[in-house]
Amino acid sequence: MNAAQTLIAAAEGGVIGDGRTGANLALGVGLLGVVLGWLALSRFGGRIRFGNVRTGAVSAIAVGLTGAFLAVLHLATSEGGPGTGNGQVGAIVAIPLGLVAMAFGARVLTRTRGGAQARQ
């Protein structure tokens, strides 16, 4: 099984457990993206003094995009509606988490580009 098949199976909840597994995976990845984006913003603001700001921002964008993709994939492949126990509400919550993570990362990248251009 390759990586794409594993992600699709996880989003459908077919790898480990019930139908909520895919939504929980998307929620976890989206939340991780928000944390990475927040850390990148904190590093840019000078509150944290370790790591590369741009790497954190790109990581937040990538992880947020992955979380949003998994959530949309889970919504597209799940049956029933909200309240049926298949994780649709969790997937709906995971989409904005992924978008927030991407926004944090994009904000940091925009700020770092602007600062580099101003110094030259």
Protein backbone atom coordinates (compact mmCIF):
# COMPACT_ATOMS: atom_id res chain seq x y z
CA MET A 1 0.00 0.00 0.00
CA ASN A 2 1.52 3.34 -1.02
CA ALA A 3 1.21 6.65 0.81
CA ALA A 4 -1.77 7.95 -1.20
CA GLN A 5 -3.76 4.75 -0.62
CA THR A 6 -2.94 4.88 3.09
CA LEU A 7 -4.16 8.49 3.39
CA ILE A 8 -7.37 7.68 1.52
CA ALA A 9 -8.00 4.59 3.65
CA ALA A 10 -7.29 6.57 6.84
CA ALA A 11 -9.66 9.34 5.79
CA GLU A 12 -12.37 6.76 5.15
CA GLY A 13 -11.72 5.23 8.55
CA GLY A 14 -10.77 1.89 7.04
CA VAL A 15 -7.30 1.54 8.50
CA ILE A 16 -7.93 1.71 12.22
CA GLY A 17 -11.37 1.77 13.72
CA ASP A 18 -14.71 3.31 12.99
CA GLY A 19 -15.78 6.14 10.69
CA ARG A 20 -14.60 8.82 13.10
CA THR A 21 -10.97 7.84 12.69
CA GLY A 22 -10.53 9.80 9.48
CA ALA A 23 -12.08 12.90 11.02
CA ASN A 24 -9.94 12.54 14.14
CA LEU A 25 -6.85 12.22 11.95
CA ALA A 26 -7.82 15.38 10.05
CA LEU A 27 -8.50 17.21 13.33
CA GLY A 28 -5.12 16.20 14.73
CA VAL A 29 -3.24 17.22 11.61
CA GLY A 30 -5.13 20.53 11.42
CA LEU A 31 -4.42 21.27 15.07
CA LEU A 32 -0.75 20.44 14.56
CA GLY A 33 -0.70 22.90 11.67
CA VAL A 34 -2.23 25.63 13.85
CA VAL A 35 0.39 25.01 16.53
CA LEU A 36 3.20 25.15 13.95
CA GLY A 37 1.79 28.37 12.53
CA TRP A 38 1.46 29.92 15.97
CA LEU A 39 5.03 28.96 16.80
CA ALA A 40 6.22 30.50 13.54
CA LEU A 41 4.34 33.71 14.38
CA SER A 42 5.88 33.69 17.86
CA ARG A 43 9.37 33.22 16.43
CA PHE A 44 8.81 36.08 14.01
CA GLY A 45 7.62 38.33 16.82
CA GLY A 46 10.73 37.58 18.83
CA ARG A 47 9.01 35.76 21.69
CA ILE A 48 10.77 32.46 20.88
CA ARG A 49 14.41 32.46 19.84
CA PHE A 50 15.03 29.07 18.22
CA GLY A 51 14.44 27.59 14.79
CA ASN A 52 14.02 29.04 11.34
CA VAL A 53 10.93 31.21 10.88
CA ARG A 54 10.46 30.45 7.19
CA THR A 55 10.75 26.69 7.73
CA GLY A 56 8.08 26.85 10.42
CA ALA A 57 5.82 28.87 8.14
CA VAL A 58 6.18 26.48 5.22
CA SER A 59 5.59 23.55 7.59
CA ALA A 60 2.41 25.16 8.90
CA ILE A 61 1.14 25.67 5.35
CA ALA A 62 1.93 22.09 4.32
CA VAL A 63 0.44 20.51 7.44
CA GLY A 64 -2.64 22.76 7.28
CA LEU A 65 -3.19 21.86 3.64
CA THR A 66 -2.88 18.18 4.47
CA GLY A 67 -5.39 18.47 7.32
CA ALA A 68 -7.90 20.33 5.18
CA PHE A 69 -7.44 17.82 2.36
CA LEU A 70 -8.00 14.87 4.70
CA ALA A 71 -11.13 16.53 6.10
CA VAL A 72 -12.60 17.19 2.66
CA LEU A 73 -11.72 13.65 1.60
CA HIS A 74 -13.46 12.27 4.69
CA LEU A 75 -16.56 14.36 4.00
CA ALA A 76 -16.64 13.19 0.39
CA THR A 77 -16.36 9.51 1.24
CA SER A 78 -18.51 9.27 4.38
CA GLU A 79 -22.13 8.24 4.27
CA GLY A 80 -25.04 9.68 6.22
CA GLY A 81 -25.23 13.09 7.77
CA PRO A 82 -24.10 14.90 10.88
CA GLY A 83 -24.96 13.02 14.05
CA THR A 84 -24.76 9.56 12.50
CA GLY A 85 -21.45 8.73 14.20
CA ASN A 86 -19.27 8.76 11.11
CA GLY A 87 -17.24 11.86 11.97
CA GLN A 88 -18.68 14.43 9.62
CA VAL A 89 -18.89 17.14 12.27
CA GLY A 90 -15.24 16.56 13.18
CA ALA A 91 -14.27 16.83 9.53
CA ILE A 92 -16.25 20.06 9.21
CA VAL A 93 -14.34 21.48 12.19
CA ALA A 94 -11.01 20.27 10.76
CA ILE A 95 -11.40 22.31 7.55
CA PRO A 96 -11.17 25.73 9.27
CA LEU A 97 -8.28 24.46 11.41
CA GLY A 98 -6.33 23.66 8.26
CA LEU A 99 -7.23 27.03 6.75
CA VAL A 100 -6.14 28.87 9.90
CA ALA A 101 -2.83 27.00 9.84
CA MET A 102 -2.30 28.00 6.21
CA ALA A 103 -3.19 31.62 7.03
CA PHE A 104 -0.69 31.72 9.91
CA GLY A 105 2.04 30.33 7.66
CA ALA A 106 1.20 32.70 4.82
CA ARG A 107 1.24 35.67 7.19
CA VAL A 108 4.70 34.78 8.44
CA LEU A 109 5.99 34.26 4.90
CA THR A 110 4.56 37.60 3.81
CA ARG A 111 6.15 39.39 6.75
CA THR A 112 9.55 37.80 6.20
CA ARG A 113 9.53 38.65 2.49
CA GLY A 114 8.58 42.23 3.22
CA GLY A 115 11.37 42.59 5.75
CA ALA A 116 13.96 41.12 3.39
CA GLN A 117 12.94 43.48 0.58
CA ALA A 118 12.97 46.52 2.88
CA ARG A 119 16.55 45.81 4.02
CA GLN A 120 17.98 45.57 0.49
